Full PDB file with SEQRES, HELIX, SHEET, SSBOND, CRYST1, ORIGX, SCALE, CONECT and MASTER records, all heavy atoms in Angstrom:
SEQRES   1 A   42  TYR ASP LYS ALA HIS GLY ASN ALA VAL ILE LEU THR MET          
SEQRES   2 A   42  ASP MET ASN PHE ARG GLU VAL TYR LEU ALA GLY PHE TYR          
SEQRES   3 A   42  LYS ALA GLU ASP TYR LEU ASP ASN GLY ARG LEU GLN ALA          
SEQRES   4 A   42  ILE ARG SER                                                  
HELIX    1 AA1 LYS A   27  TYR A   31  1                                   5    
HELIX    2 AA2 ASN A   34  ARG A   41  1                                   8    
SHEET    1 AA1 2 ALA A   8  ASP A  14  0                                        
SHEET    2 AA1 2 GLU A  19  PHE A  25 -1                                        
CRYST1    1.000    1.000    1.000  90.00  90.00  90.00 P 1           1          
ORIGX1      1.000000  0.000000  0.000000        0.00000                         
ORIGX2      0.000000  1.000000  0.000000        0.00000                         
ORIGX3      0.000000  0.000000  1.000000        0.00000                         
SCALE1      1.000000  0.000000  0.000000        0.00000                         
SCALE2      0.000000  1.000000  0.000000        0.00000                         
SCALE3      0.000000  0.000000  1.000000        0.00000                         
ATOM      1  N   TYR A   1      -1.964 135.213 121.277  1.00  0.00           N  
ATOM      2  CA  TYR A   1      -2.500 135.919 122.444  1.00  0.00           C  
ATOM      3  C   TYR A   1      -2.705 137.394 122.151  1.00  0.00           C  
ATOM      4  O   TYR A   1      -3.739 137.972 122.479  1.00  0.00           O  
ATOM      5  CB  TYR A   1      -1.541 135.764 123.633  1.00  0.00           C  
ATOM      6  CG  TYR A   1      -1.962 136.558 124.845  1.00  0.00           C  
ATOM      7  CD1 TYR A   1      -2.874 136.017 125.752  1.00  0.00           C  
ATOM      8  CD2 TYR A   1      -1.474 137.846 125.081  1.00  0.00           C  
ATOM      9  CE1 TYR A   1      -3.285 136.745 126.861  1.00  0.00           C  
ATOM     10  CE2 TYR A   1      -1.881 138.572 126.178  1.00  0.00           C  
ATOM     11  CZ  TYR A   1      -2.781 138.020 127.071  1.00  0.00           C  
ATOM     12  OH  TYR A   1      -3.193 138.748 128.164  1.00  0.00           O  
ATOM     13  N   ASP A   2      -1.702 138.018 121.542  1.00  0.00           N  
ATOM     14  CA  ASP A   2      -1.700 139.459 121.362  1.00  0.00           C  
ATOM     15  C   ASP A   2      -2.375 139.919 120.078  1.00  0.00           C  
ATOM     16  O   ASP A   2      -2.853 141.043 119.974  1.00  0.00           O  
ATOM     17  CB  ASP A   2      -0.266 139.990 121.394  1.00  0.00           C  
ATOM     18  CG  ASP A   2       0.670 139.204 120.464  1.00  0.00           C  
ATOM     19  OD1 ASP A   2       0.365 138.029 120.187  1.00  0.00           O  
ATOM     20  OD2 ASP A   2       1.682 139.769 120.022  1.00  0.00           O  
ATOM     21  N   LYS A   3      -2.405 139.028 119.084  1.00  0.00           N  
ATOM     22  CA  LYS A   3      -2.979 139.385 117.782  1.00  0.00           C  
ATOM     23  C   LYS A   3      -3.146 138.101 116.978  1.00  0.00           C  
ATOM     24  O   LYS A   3      -2.691 137.024 117.377  1.00  0.00           O  
ATOM     25  CB  LYS A   3      -2.045 140.349 117.026  1.00  0.00           C  
ATOM     26  CG  LYS A   3      -0.673 139.751 116.757  1.00  0.00           C  
ATOM     27  CD  LYS A   3       0.257 140.716 116.023  1.00  0.00           C  
ATOM     28  CE  LYS A   3       1.613 140.069 115.782  1.00  0.00           C  
ATOM     29  NZ  LYS A   3       2.537 140.980 115.074  1.00  0.00           N  
ATOM     30  N   ALA A   4      -3.818 138.208 115.837  1.00  0.00           N  
ATOM     31  CA  ALA A   4      -3.895 137.064 114.934  1.00  0.00           C  
ATOM     32  C   ALA A   4      -2.491 136.733 114.452  1.00  0.00           C  
ATOM     33  O   ALA A   4      -1.726 137.624 114.062  1.00  0.00           O  
ATOM     34  CB  ALA A   4      -4.796 137.404 113.748  1.00  0.00           C  
ATOM     35  N   HIS A   5      -2.130 135.446 114.517  1.00  0.00           N  
ATOM     36  CA  HIS A   5      -0.771 135.005 114.218  1.00  0.00           C  
ATOM     37  C   HIS A   5       0.223 135.708 115.139  1.00  0.00           C  
ATOM     38  O   HIS A   5       1.159 136.362 114.689  1.00  0.00           O  
ATOM     39  CB  HIS A   5      -0.411 135.254 112.744  1.00  0.00           C  
ATOM     40  CG  HIS A   5      -1.293 134.513 111.800  1.00  0.00           C  
ATOM     41  ND1 HIS A   5      -2.057 135.147 110.850  1.00  0.00           N  
ATOM     42  CD2 HIS A   5      -1.556 133.193 111.662  1.00  0.00           C  
ATOM     43  CE1 HIS A   5      -2.742 134.257 110.161  1.00  0.00           C  
ATOM     44  NE2 HIS A   5      -2.451 133.050 110.633  1.00  0.00           N  
ATOM     45  N   GLY A   6       0.002 135.545 116.438  1.00  0.00           N  
ATOM     46  CA  GLY A   6       0.850 136.171 117.447  1.00  0.00           C  
ATOM     47  C   GLY A   6       1.507 135.148 118.353  1.00  0.00           C  
ATOM     48  O   GLY A   6       1.825 134.022 117.936  1.00  0.00           O  
ATOM     49  N   ASN A   7       1.712 135.533 119.617  1.00  0.00           N  
ATOM     50  CA  ASN A   7       2.414 134.690 120.585  1.00  0.00           C  
ATOM     51  C   ASN A   7       1.595 133.444 120.925  1.00  0.00           C  
ATOM     52  O   ASN A   7       0.472 133.554 121.430  1.00  0.00           O  
ATOM     53  CB  ASN A   7       2.676 135.462 121.885  1.00  0.00           C  
ATOM     54  CG  ASN A   7       3.456 136.744 121.649  1.00  0.00           C  
ATOM     55  OD1 ASN A   7       4.208 136.855 120.684  1.00  0.00           O  
ATOM     56  ND2 ASN A   7       3.285 137.709 122.542  1.00  0.00           N  
ATOM     57  N   ALA A   8       2.162 132.290 120.658  1.00  0.00           N  
ATOM     58  CA  ALA A   8       1.455 131.043 120.949  1.00  0.00           C  
ATOM     59  C   ALA A   8       2.434 129.880 121.021  1.00  0.00           C  
ATOM     60  O   ALA A   8       3.486 129.900 120.380  1.00  0.00           O  
ATOM     61  CB  ALA A   8       0.396 130.754 119.874  1.00  0.00           C  
ATOM     62  N   VAL A   9       2.076 128.880 121.820  1.00  0.00           N  
ATOM     63  CA  VAL A   9       2.774 127.603 121.819  1.00  0.00           C  
ATOM     64  C   VAL A   9       1.706 126.529 121.671  1.00  0.00           C  
ATOM     65  O   VAL A   9       0.646 126.601 122.299  1.00  0.00           O  
ATOM     66  CB  VAL A   9       3.624 127.393 123.098  1.00  0.00           C  
ATOM     67  CG1 VAL A   9       2.796 127.543 124.358  1.00  0.00           C  
ATOM     68  CG2 VAL A   9       4.294 126.039 123.075  1.00  0.00           C  
ATOM     69  N   ILE A  10       1.964 125.560 120.800  1.00  0.00           N  
ATOM     70  CA  ILE A  10       0.965 124.530 120.479  1.00  0.00           C  
ATOM     71  C   ILE A  10       1.522 123.144 120.755  1.00  0.00           C  
ATOM     72  O   ILE A  10       2.646 122.826 120.356  1.00  0.00           O  
ATOM     73  CB  ILE A  10       0.547 124.618 118.992  1.00  0.00           C  
ATOM     74  CG1 ILE A  10       0.046 126.012 118.650  1.00  0.00           C  
ATOM     75  CG2 ILE A  10      -0.534 123.578 118.681  1.00  0.00           C  
ATOM     76  CD1 ILE A  10      -0.256 126.206 117.161  1.00  0.00           C  
ATOM     77  N   LEU A  11       0.740 122.347 121.457  1.00  0.00           N  
ATOM     78  CA  LEU A  11       1.031 120.922 121.607  1.00  0.00           C  
ATOM     79  C   LEU A  11       0.043 120.166 120.733  1.00  0.00           C  
ATOM     80  O   LEU A  11      -1.168 120.268 120.926  1.00  0.00           O  
ATOM     81  CB  LEU A  11       0.887 120.477 123.064  1.00  0.00           C  
ATOM     82  CG  LEU A  11       1.194 119.010 123.386  1.00  0.00           C  
ATOM     83  CD1 LEU A  11       1.615 118.858 124.848  1.00  0.00           C  
ATOM     84  CD2 LEU A  11       0.012 118.074 123.122  1.00  0.00           C  
ATOM     85  N   THR A  12       0.550 119.426 119.765  1.00  0.00           N  
ATOM     86  CA  THR A  12      -0.305 118.641 118.867  1.00  0.00           C  
ATOM     87  C   THR A  12      -0.122 117.157 119.130  1.00  0.00           C  
ATOM     88  O   THR A  12       1.002 116.647 119.104  1.00  0.00           O  
ATOM     89  CB  THR A  12       0.030 118.934 117.388  1.00  0.00           C  
ATOM     90  OG1 THR A  12      -0.134 120.331 117.141  1.00  0.00           O  
ATOM     91  CG2 THR A  12      -0.887 118.143 116.463  1.00  0.00           C  
ATOM     92  N   MET A  13      -1.230 116.468 119.385  1.00  0.00           N  
ATOM     93  CA  MET A  13      -1.233 115.018 119.604  1.00  0.00           C  
ATOM     94  C   MET A  13      -1.816 114.335 118.370  1.00  0.00           C  
ATOM     95  O   MET A  13      -2.999 114.484 118.071  1.00  0.00           O  
ATOM     96  CB  MET A  13      -2.102 114.668 120.815  1.00  0.00           C  
ATOM     97  CG  MET A  13      -1.473 114.995 122.136  1.00  0.00           C  
ATOM     98  SD  MET A  13      -0.560 113.613 122.825  1.00  0.00           S  
ATOM     99  CE  MET A  13      -1.801 112.370 122.945  1.00  0.00           C  
ATOM    100  N   ASP A  14      -0.988 113.587 117.662  1.00  0.00           N  
ATOM    101  CA  ASP A  14      -1.428 112.836 116.489  1.00  0.00           C  
ATOM    102  C   ASP A  14      -1.676 111.394 116.924  1.00  0.00           C  
ATOM    103  O   ASP A  14      -0.738 110.617 117.114  1.00  0.00           O  
ATOM    104  CB  ASP A  14      -0.353 112.905 115.406  1.00  0.00           C  
ATOM    105  CG  ASP A  14      -0.691 112.059 114.178  1.00  0.00           C  
ATOM    106  OD1 ASP A  14      -1.799 111.484 114.129  1.00  0.00           O  
ATOM    107  OD2 ASP A  14       0.163 111.976 113.271  1.00  0.00           O  
ATOM    108  N   MET A  15      -2.952 111.026 117.077  1.00  0.00           N  
ATOM    109  CA  MET A  15      -3.295 109.690 117.573  1.00  0.00           C  
ATOM    110  C   MET A  15      -3.179 108.634 116.480  1.00  0.00           C  
ATOM    111  O   MET A  15      -3.184 107.432 116.776  1.00  0.00           O  
ATOM    112  CB  MET A  15      -4.721 109.693 118.143  1.00  0.00           C  
ATOM    113  CG  MET A  15      -4.911 110.640 119.319  1.00  0.00           C  
ATOM    114  SD  MET A  15      -3.751 110.337 120.679  1.00  0.00           S  
ATOM    115  CE  MET A  15      -4.304 108.712 121.222  1.00  0.00           C  
ATOM    116  N   ASN A  16      -3.068 109.049 115.223  1.00  0.00           N  
ATOM    117  CA  ASN A  16      -2.932 108.103 114.120  1.00  0.00           C  
ATOM    118  C   ASN A  16      -1.524 107.502 114.096  1.00  0.00           C  
ATOM    119  O   ASN A  16      -1.347 106.291 114.139  1.00  0.00           O  
ATOM    120  CB  ASN A  16      -3.245 108.805 112.793  1.00  0.00           C  
ATOM    121  CG  ASN A  16      -3.257 107.850 111.623  1.00  0.00           C  
ATOM    122  OD1 ASN A  16      -3.133 106.638 111.774  1.00  0.00           O  
ATOM    123  ND2 ASN A  16      -3.404 108.387 110.422  1.00  0.00           N  
ATOM    124  N   PHE A  17      -0.521 108.374 114.088  1.00  0.00           N  
ATOM    125  CA  PHE A  17       0.871 107.913 114.040  1.00  0.00           C  
ATOM    126  C   PHE A  17       1.535 107.902 115.421  1.00  0.00           C  
ATOM    127  O   PHE A  17       2.733 107.637 115.518  1.00  0.00           O  
ATOM    128  CB  PHE A  17       1.678 108.795 113.086  1.00  0.00           C  
ATOM    129  CG  PHE A  17       1.260 108.668 111.647  1.00  0.00           C  
ATOM    130  CD1 PHE A  17       0.577 109.692 111.015  1.00  0.00           C  
ATOM    131  CD2 PHE A  17       1.523 107.509 110.943  1.00  0.00           C  
ATOM    132  CE1 PHE A  17       0.183 109.581 109.696  1.00  0.00           C  
ATOM    133  CE2 PHE A  17       1.141 107.380 109.612  1.00  0.00           C  
ATOM    134  CZ  PHE A  17       0.455 108.413 108.984  1.00  0.00           C  
ATOM    135  N   ARG A  18       0.753 108.218 116.468  1.00  0.00           N  
ATOM    136  CA  ARG A  18       1.257 108.228 117.840  1.00  0.00           C  
ATOM    137  C   ARG A  18       2.480 109.149 117.964  1.00  0.00           C  
ATOM    138  O   ARG A  18       3.526 108.784 118.469  1.00  0.00           O  
ATOM    139  CB  ARG A  18       1.620 106.814 118.303  1.00  0.00           C  
ATOM    140  CG  ARG A  18       0.496 105.819 118.239  1.00  0.00           C  
ATOM    141  CD  ARG A  18      -0.517 106.022 119.338  1.00  0.00           C  
ATOM    142  NE  ARG A  18       0.057 105.784 120.663  1.00  0.00           N  
ATOM    143  CZ  ARG A  18      -0.655 105.890 121.796  1.00  0.00           C  
ATOM    144  NH1 ARG A  18      -1.938 106.234 121.732  1.00  0.00           N  
ATOM    145  NH2 ARG A  18      -0.091 105.658 122.965  1.00  0.00           N  
ATOM    146  N   GLU A  19       2.319 110.374 117.481  1.00  0.00           N  
ATOM    147  CA  GLU A  19       3.374 111.360 117.573  1.00  0.00           C  
ATOM    148  C   GLU A  19       2.863 112.613 118.274  1.00  0.00           C  
ATOM    149  O   GLU A  19       1.669 112.931 118.226  1.00  0.00           O  
ATOM    150  CB  GLU A  19       3.898 111.745 116.189  1.00  0.00           C  
ATOM    151  CG  GLU A  19       4.875 110.765 115.584  1.00  0.00           C  
ATOM    152  CD  GLU A  19       5.577 111.350 114.378  1.00  0.00           C  
ATOM    153  OE1 GLU A  19       4.884 111.628 113.380  1.00  0.00           O  
ATOM    154  OE2 GLU A  19       6.808 111.538 114.431  1.00  0.00           O  
ATOM    155  N   VAL A  20       3.783 113.325 118.915  1.00  0.00           N  
ATOM    156  CA  VAL A  20       3.460 114.594 119.555  1.00  0.00           C  
ATOM    157  C   VAL A  20       4.443 115.639 119.049  1.00  0.00           C  
ATOM    158  O   VAL A  20       5.623 115.345 118.835  1.00  0.00           O  
ATOM    159  CB  VAL A  20       3.524 114.478 121.098  1.00  0.00           C  
ATOM    160  CG1 VAL A  20       4.910 114.053 121.564  1.00  0.00           C  
ATOM    161  CG2 VAL A  20       3.126 115.799 121.754  1.00  0.00           C  
ATOM    162  N   TYR A  21       3.937 116.849 118.817  1.00  0.00           N  
ATOM    163  CA  TYR A  21       4.781 117.941 118.329  1.00  0.00           C  
ATOM    164  C   TYR A  21       4.486 119.199 119.128  1.00  0.00           C  
ATOM    165  O   TYR A  21       3.321 119.537 119.379  1.00  0.00           O  
ATOM    166  CB  TYR A  21       4.530 118.200 116.843  1.00  0.00           C  
ATOM    167  CG  TYR A  21       5.480 119.214 116.243  1.00  0.00           C  
ATOM    168  CD1 TYR A  21       6.808 118.879 116.003  1.00  0.00           C  
ATOM    169  CD2 TYR A  21       5.067 120.505 115.934  1.00  0.00           C  
ATOM    170  CE1 TYR A  21       7.695 119.796 115.463  1.00  0.00           C  
ATOM    171  CE2 TYR A  21       5.946 121.435 115.392  1.00  0.00           C  
ATOM    172  CZ  TYR A  21       7.259 121.071 115.159  1.00  0.00           C  
ATOM    173  OH  TYR A  21       8.147 121.985 114.629  1.00  0.00           O  
ATOM    174  N   LEU A  22       5.538 119.882 119.557  1.00  0.00           N  
ATOM    175  CA  LEU A  22       5.413 121.152 120.256  1.00  0.00           C  
ATOM    176  C   LEU A  22       6.045 122.244 119.398  1.00  0.00           C  
ATOM    177  O   LEU A  22       7.151 122.060 118.883  1.00  0.00           O  
ATOM    178  CB  LEU A  22       6.119 121.112 121.618  1.00  0.00           C  
ATOM    179  CG  LEU A  22       5.350 120.501 122.788  1.00  0.00           C  
ATOM    180  CD1 LEU A  22       5.247 118.990 122.609  1.00  0.00           C  
ATOM    181  CD2 LEU A  22       6.019 120.814 124.118  1.00  0.00           C  
ATOM    182  N   ALA A  23       5.345 123.369 119.260  1.00  0.00           N  
ATOM    183  CA  ALA A  23       5.841 124.474 118.440  1.00  0.00           C  
ATOM    184  C   ALA A  23       5.603 125.790 119.159  1.00  0.00           C  
ATOM    185  O   ALA A  23       4.535 126.017 119.729  1.00  0.00           O  
ATOM    186  CB  ALA A  23       5.147 124.490 117.081  1.00  0.00           C  
ATOM    187  N   GLY A  24       6.625 126.669 119.142  1.00  0.00           N  
ATOM    188  CA  GLY A  24       6.497 127.989 119.754  1.00  0.00           C  
ATOM    189  C   GLY A  24       6.590 129.078 118.702  1.00  0.00           C  
ATOM    190  O   GLY A  24       7.502 129.072 117.867  1.00  0.00           O  
ATOM    191  N   PHE A  25       5.649 130.017 118.736  1.00  0.00           N  
ATOM    192  CA  PHE A  25       5.596 131.089 117.740  1.00  0.00           C  
ATOM    193  C   PHE A  25       5.838 132.451 118.394  1.00  0.00           C  
ATOM    194  O   PHE A  25       5.323 132.743 119.471  1.00  0.00           O  
ATOM    195  CB  PHE A  25       4.235 131.099 117.040  1.00  0.00           C  
ATOM    196  CG  PHE A  25       3.961 129.868 116.214  1.00  0.00           C  
ATOM    197  CD1 PHE A  25       3.434 128.724 116.798  1.00  0.00           C  
ATOM    198  CD2 PHE A  25       4.242 129.841 114.848  1.00  0.00           C  
ATOM    199  CE1 PHE A  25       3.176 127.584 116.039  1.00  0.00           C  
ATOM    200  CE2 PHE A  25       3.997 128.714 114.092  1.00  0.00           C  
ATOM    201  CZ  PHE A  25       3.464 127.582 114.688  1.00  0.00           C  
ATOM    202  N   TYR A  26       6.616 133.280 117.718  1.00  0.00           N  
ATOM    203  CA  TYR A  26       6.925 134.649 118.119  1.00  0.00           C  
ATOM    204  C   TYR A  26       7.545 134.682 119.518  1.00  0.00           C  
ATOM    205  O   TYR A  26       8.632 134.153 119.719  1.00  0.00           O  
ATOM    206  CB  TYR A  26       5.700 135.554 117.948  1.00  0.00           C  
ATOM    207  CG  TYR A  26       5.402 135.741 116.470  1.00  0.00           C  
ATOM    208  CD1 TYR A  26       4.474 134.930 115.825  1.00  0.00           C  
ATOM    209  CD2 TYR A  26       6.111 136.673 115.719  1.00  0.00           C  
ATOM    210  CE1 TYR A  26       4.245 135.051 114.452  1.00  0.00           C  
ATOM    211  CE2 TYR A  26       5.893 136.802 114.349  1.00  0.00           C  
ATOM    212  CZ  TYR A  26       4.968 135.991 113.726  1.00  0.00           C  
ATOM    213  OH  TYR A  26       4.765 136.102 112.382  1.00  0.00           O  
ATOM    214  N   LYS A  27       6.918 135.263 120.528  1.00  0.00           N  
ATOM    215  CA  LYS A  27       7.538 135.313 121.854  1.00  0.00           C  
ATOM    216  C   LYS A  27       7.890 133.913 122.347  1.00  0.00           C  
ATOM    217  O   LYS A  27       8.944 133.702 122.946  1.00  0.00           O  
ATOM    218  CB  LYS A  27       6.613 136.007 122.850  1.00  0.00           C  
ATOM    219  CG  LYS A  27       7.214 136.138 124.250  1.00  0.00           C  
ATOM    220  CD  LYS A  27       6.251 136.814 125.206  1.00  0.00           C  
ATOM    221  CE  LYS A  27       6.873 136.928 126.596  1.00  0.00           C  
ATOM    222  NZ  LYS A  27       5.942 137.586 127.555  1.00  0.00           N  
ATOM    223  N   ALA A  28       7.008 132.964 122.093  1.00  0.00           N  
ATOM    224  CA  ALA A  28       7.253 131.586 122.527  1.00  0.00           C  
ATOM    225  C   ALA A  28       8.415 130.953 121.763  1.00  0.00           C  
ATOM    226  O   ALA A  28       9.066 130.045 122.273  1.00  0.00           O  
ATOM    227  CB  ALA A  28       5.984 130.740 122.357  1.00  0.00           C  
ATOM    228  N   GLU A  29       8.676 131.423 120.552  1.00  0.00           N  
ATOM    229  CA  GLU A  29       9.814 130.894 119.800  1.00  0.00           C  
ATOM    230  C   GLU A  29      11.126 131.269 120.492  1.00  0.00           C  
ATOM    231  O   GLU A  29      12.083 130.486 120.495  1.00  0.00           O  
ATOM    232  CB  GLU A  29       9.815 131.431 118.367  1.00  0.00           C  
ATOM    233  CG  GLU A  29      10.952 130.871 117.511  1.00  0.00           C  
ATOM    234  CD  GLU A  29      10.925 131.382 116.071  1.00  0.00           C  
ATOM    235  OE1 GLU A  29      10.160 132.336 115.794  1.00  0.00           O  
ATOM    236  OE2 GLU A  29      11.684 130.831 115.239  1.00  0.00           O  
ATOM    237  N   ASP A  30      11.162 132.469 121.089  1.00  0.00           N  
ATOM    238  CA  ASP A  30      12.364 132.919 121.798  1.00  0.00           C  
ATOM    239  C   ASP A  30      12.489 132.268 123.169  1.00  0.00           C  
ATOM    240  O   ASP A  30      13.566 131.810 123.556  1.00  0.00           O  
ATOM    241  CB  ASP A  30      12.345 134.446 121.950  1.00  0.00           C  
ATOM    242  CG  ASP A  30      12.438 135.161 120.607  1.00  0.00           C  
ATOM    243  OD1 ASP A  30      13.080 134.613 119.695  1.00  0.00           O  
ATOM    244  OD2 ASP A  30      11.867 136.261 120.477  1.00  0.00           O  
ATOM    245  N   TYR A  31      11.380 132.247 123.923  1.00  0.00           N  
ATOM    246  CA  TYR A  31      11.424 131.766 125.306  1.00  0.00           C  
ATOM    247  C   TYR A  31      11.256 130.248 125.414  1.00  0.00           C  
ATOM    248  O   TYR A  31      11.637 129.668 126.426  1.00  0.00           O  
ATOM    249  CB  TYR A  31      10.352 132.473 126.136  1.00  0.00           C  
ATOM    250  CG  TYR A  31      10.727 133.884 126.523  1.00  0.00           C  
ATOM    251  CD1 TYR A  31      10.554 134.942 125.647  1.00  0.00           C  
ATOM    252  CD2 TYR A  31      11.279 134.153 127.769  1.00  0.00           C  
ATOM    253  CE1 TYR A  31      10.908 136.242 125.992  1.00  0.00           C  
ATOM    254  CE2 TYR A  31      11.628 135.444 128.135  1.00  0.00           C  
ATOM    255  CZ  TYR A  31      11.442 136.480 127.239  1.00  0.00           C  
ATOM    256  OH  TYR A  31      11.807 137.758 127.593  1.00  0.00           O  
ATOM    257  N   LEU A  32      10.662 129.640 124.419  1.00  0.00           N  
ATOM    258  CA  LEU A  32      10.533 128.175 124.380  1.00  0.00           C  
ATOM    259  C   LEU A  32      11.229 127.696 123.105  1.00  0.00           C  
ATOM    260  O   LEU A  32      10.583 127.314 122.132  1.00  0.00           O  
ATOM    261  CB  LEU A  32       9.058 127.755 124.402  1.00  0.00           C  
ATOM    262  CG  LEU A  32       8.288 128.108 125.685  1.00  0.00           C  
ATOM    263  CD1 LEU A  32       6.815 127.744 125.544  1.00  0.00           C  
ATOM    264  CD2 LEU A  32       8.881 127.421 126.897  1.00  0.00           C  
ATOM    265  N   ASP A  33      12.548 127.751 123.116  1.00  0.00           N  
ATOM    266  CA  ASP A  33      13.312 127.342 121.937  1.00  0.00           C  
ATOM    267  C   ASP A  33      13.298 125.821 121.800  1.00  0.00           C  
ATOM    268  O   ASP A  33      12.637 125.116 122.577  1.00  0.00           O  
ATOM    269  CB  ASP A  33      14.736 127.876 122.016  1.00  0.00           C  
ATOM    270  CG  ASP A  33      15.475 127.410 123.281  1.00  0.00           C  
ATOM    271  OD1 ASP A  33      15.030 126.435 123.914  1.00  0.00           O  
ATOM    272  OD2 ASP A  33      16.490 128.025 123.636  1.00  0.00           O  
ATOM    273  N   ASN A  34      14.032 125.304 120.819  1.00  0.00           N  
ATOM    274  CA  ASN A  34      14.015 123.857 120.568  1.00  0.00           C  
ATOM    275  C   ASN A  34      14.412 123.056 121.807  1.00  0.00           C  
ATOM    276  O   ASN A  34      13.789 122.038 122.131  1.00  0.00           O  
ATOM    277  CB  ASN A  34      14.977 123.511 119.425  1.00  0.00           C  
ATOM    278  CG  ASN A  34      14.581 124.167 118.112  1.00  0.00           C  
ATOM    279  OD1 ASN A  34      13.480 124.696 117.975  1.00  0.00           O  
ATOM    280  ND2 ASN A  34      15.477 124.147 117.145  1.00  0.00           N  
ATOM    281  N   GLY A  35      15.448 123.522 122.502  1.00  0.00           N  
ATOM    282  CA  GLY A  35      15.926 122.800 123.673  1.00  0.00           C  
ATOM    283  C   GLY A  35      14.910 122.761 124.795  1.00  0.00           C  
ATOM    284  O   GLY A  35      14.697 121.714 125.423  1.00  0.00           O  
ATOM    285  N   ARG A  36      14.270 123.882 125.067  1.00  0.00           N  
ATOM    286  CA  ARG A  36      13.269 123.925 126.139  1.00  0.00           C  
ATOM    287  C   ARG A  36      12.032 123.095 125.777  1.00  0.00           C  
ATOM    288  O   ARG A  36      11.470 122.412 126.632  1.00  0.00           O  
ATOM    289  CB  ARG A  36      12.879 125.366 126.446  1.00  0.00           C  
ATOM    290  CG  ARG A  36      14.004 126.167 127.096  1.00  0.00           C  
ATOM    291  CD  ARG A  36      13.551 127.562 127.503  1.00  0.00           C  
ATOM    292  NE  ARG A  36      14.651 128.319 128.103  1.00  0.00           N  
ATOM    293  CZ  ARG A  36      14.529 129.536 128.627  1.00  0.00           C  
ATOM    294  NH1 ARG A  36      13.351 130.145 128.609  1.00  0.00           N  
ATOM    295  NH2 ARG A  36      15.568 130.152 129.165  1.00  0.00           N  
ATOM    296  N   LEU A  37      11.613 123.169 124.524  1.00  0.00           N  
ATOM    297  CA  LEU A  37      10.466 122.362 124.104  1.00  0.00           C  
ATOM    298  C   LEU A  37      10.790 120.875 124.198  1.00  0.00           C  
ATOM    299  O   LEU A  37       9.935 120.060 124.575  1.00  0.00           O  
ATOM    300  CB  LEU A  37      10.054 122.724 122.675  1.00  0.00           C  
ATOM    301  CG  LEU A  37       9.380 124.089 122.483  1.00  0.00           C  
ATOM    302  CD1 LEU A  37       9.020 124.290 121.015  1.00  0.00           C  
ATOM    303  CD2 LEU A  37       8.129 124.221 123.350  1.00  0.00           C  
ATOM    304  N   GLN A  38      12.021 120.511 123.870  1.00  0.00           N  
ATOM    305  CA  GLN A  38      12.415 119.117 123.954  1.00  0.00           C  
ATOM    306  C   GLN A  38      12.417 118.645 125.411  1.00  0.00           C  
ATOM    307  O   GLN A  38      12.037 117.514 125.716  1.00  0.00           O  
ATOM    308  CB  GLN A  38      13.796 118.909 123.332  1.00  0.00           C  
ATOM    309  CG  GLN A  38      14.156 117.443 123.129  1.00  0.00           C  
ATOM    310  CD  GLN A  38      15.116 117.247 121.967  1.00  0.00           C  
ATOM    311  OE1 GLN A  38      15.029 117.981 120.968  1.00  0.00           O  
ATOM    312  NE2 GLN A  38      15.986 116.281 122.061  1.00  0.00           N  
ATOM    313  N   ALA A  39      12.836 119.531 126.330  1.00  0.00           N  
ATOM    314  CA  ALA A  39      12.821 119.197 127.752  1.00  0.00           C  
ATOM    315  C   ALA A  39      11.390 118.993 128.242  1.00  0.00           C  
ATOM    316  O   ALA A  39      11.106 118.066 129.018  1.00  0.00           O  
ATOM    317  CB  ALA A  39      13.511 120.296 128.553  1.00  0.00           C  
ATOM    318  N   ILE A  40      10.468 119.845 127.780  1.00  0.00           N  
ATOM    319  CA  ILE A  40       9.056 119.704 128.160  1.00  0.00           C  
ATOM    320  C   ILE A  40       8.495 118.397 127.611  1.00  0.00           C  
ATOM    321  O   ILE A  40       7.819 117.642 128.318  1.00  0.00           O  
ATOM    322  CB  ILE A  40       8.236 120.902 127.640  1.00  0.00           C  
ATOM    323  CG1 ILE A  40       8.666 122.189 128.347  1.00  0.00           C  
ATOM    324  CG2 ILE A  40       6.737 120.662 127.835  1.00  0.00           C  
ATOM    325  CD1 ILE A  40       8.058 123.453 127.770  1.00  0.00           C  
ATOM    326  N   ARG A  41       8.803 118.120 126.344  1.00  0.00           N  
ATOM    327  CA  ARG A  41       8.271 116.902 125.725  1.00  0.00           C  
ATOM    328  C   ARG A  41       8.763 115.646 126.435  1.00  0.00           C  
ATOM    329  O   ARG A  41       8.003 114.692 126.646  1.00  0.00           O  
ATOM    330  CB  ARG A  41       8.657 116.863 124.236  1.00  0.00           C  
ATOM    331  CG  ARG A  41       8.039 115.684 123.485  1.00  0.00           C  
ATOM    332  CD  ARG A  41       8.418 115.728 122.005  1.00  0.00           C  
ATOM    333  NE  ARG A  41       9.856 115.721 121.806  1.00  0.00           N  
ATOM    334  CZ  ARG A  41      10.600 114.612 121.902  1.00  0.00           C  
ATOM    335  NH1 ARG A  41      10.042 113.460 122.201  1.00  0.00           N  
ATOM    336  NH2 ARG A  41      11.903 114.676 121.687  1.00  0.00           N  
ATOM    337  N   SER A  42      10.030 115.645 126.832  1.00  0.00           N  
ATOM    338  CA  SER A  42      10.567 114.461 127.519  1.00  0.00           C  
ATOM    339  C   SER A  42       9.902 114.259 128.874  1.00  0.00           C  
ATOM    340  O   SER A  42       9.791 113.122 129.350  1.00  0.00           O  
ATOM    341  CB  SER A  42      12.082 114.593 127.681  1.00  0.00           C  
ATOM    342  OG  SER A  42      12.414 115.650 128.560  1.00  0.00           O  
TER     343      SER A  42                                                      
MASTER        0    0    0    2    2    0    0    6  342    1    0    4          
END                                                                             
């Protein structure tokens, strides 16, 4: 959001292996940590 390679959260849907992955970068890494991302995914 703020710059190239900056604050972002990504939801990736892999339709081949039927998997979903959530990742938080920079500010999102702090505010959307592993536990919060897992809660969102569930």
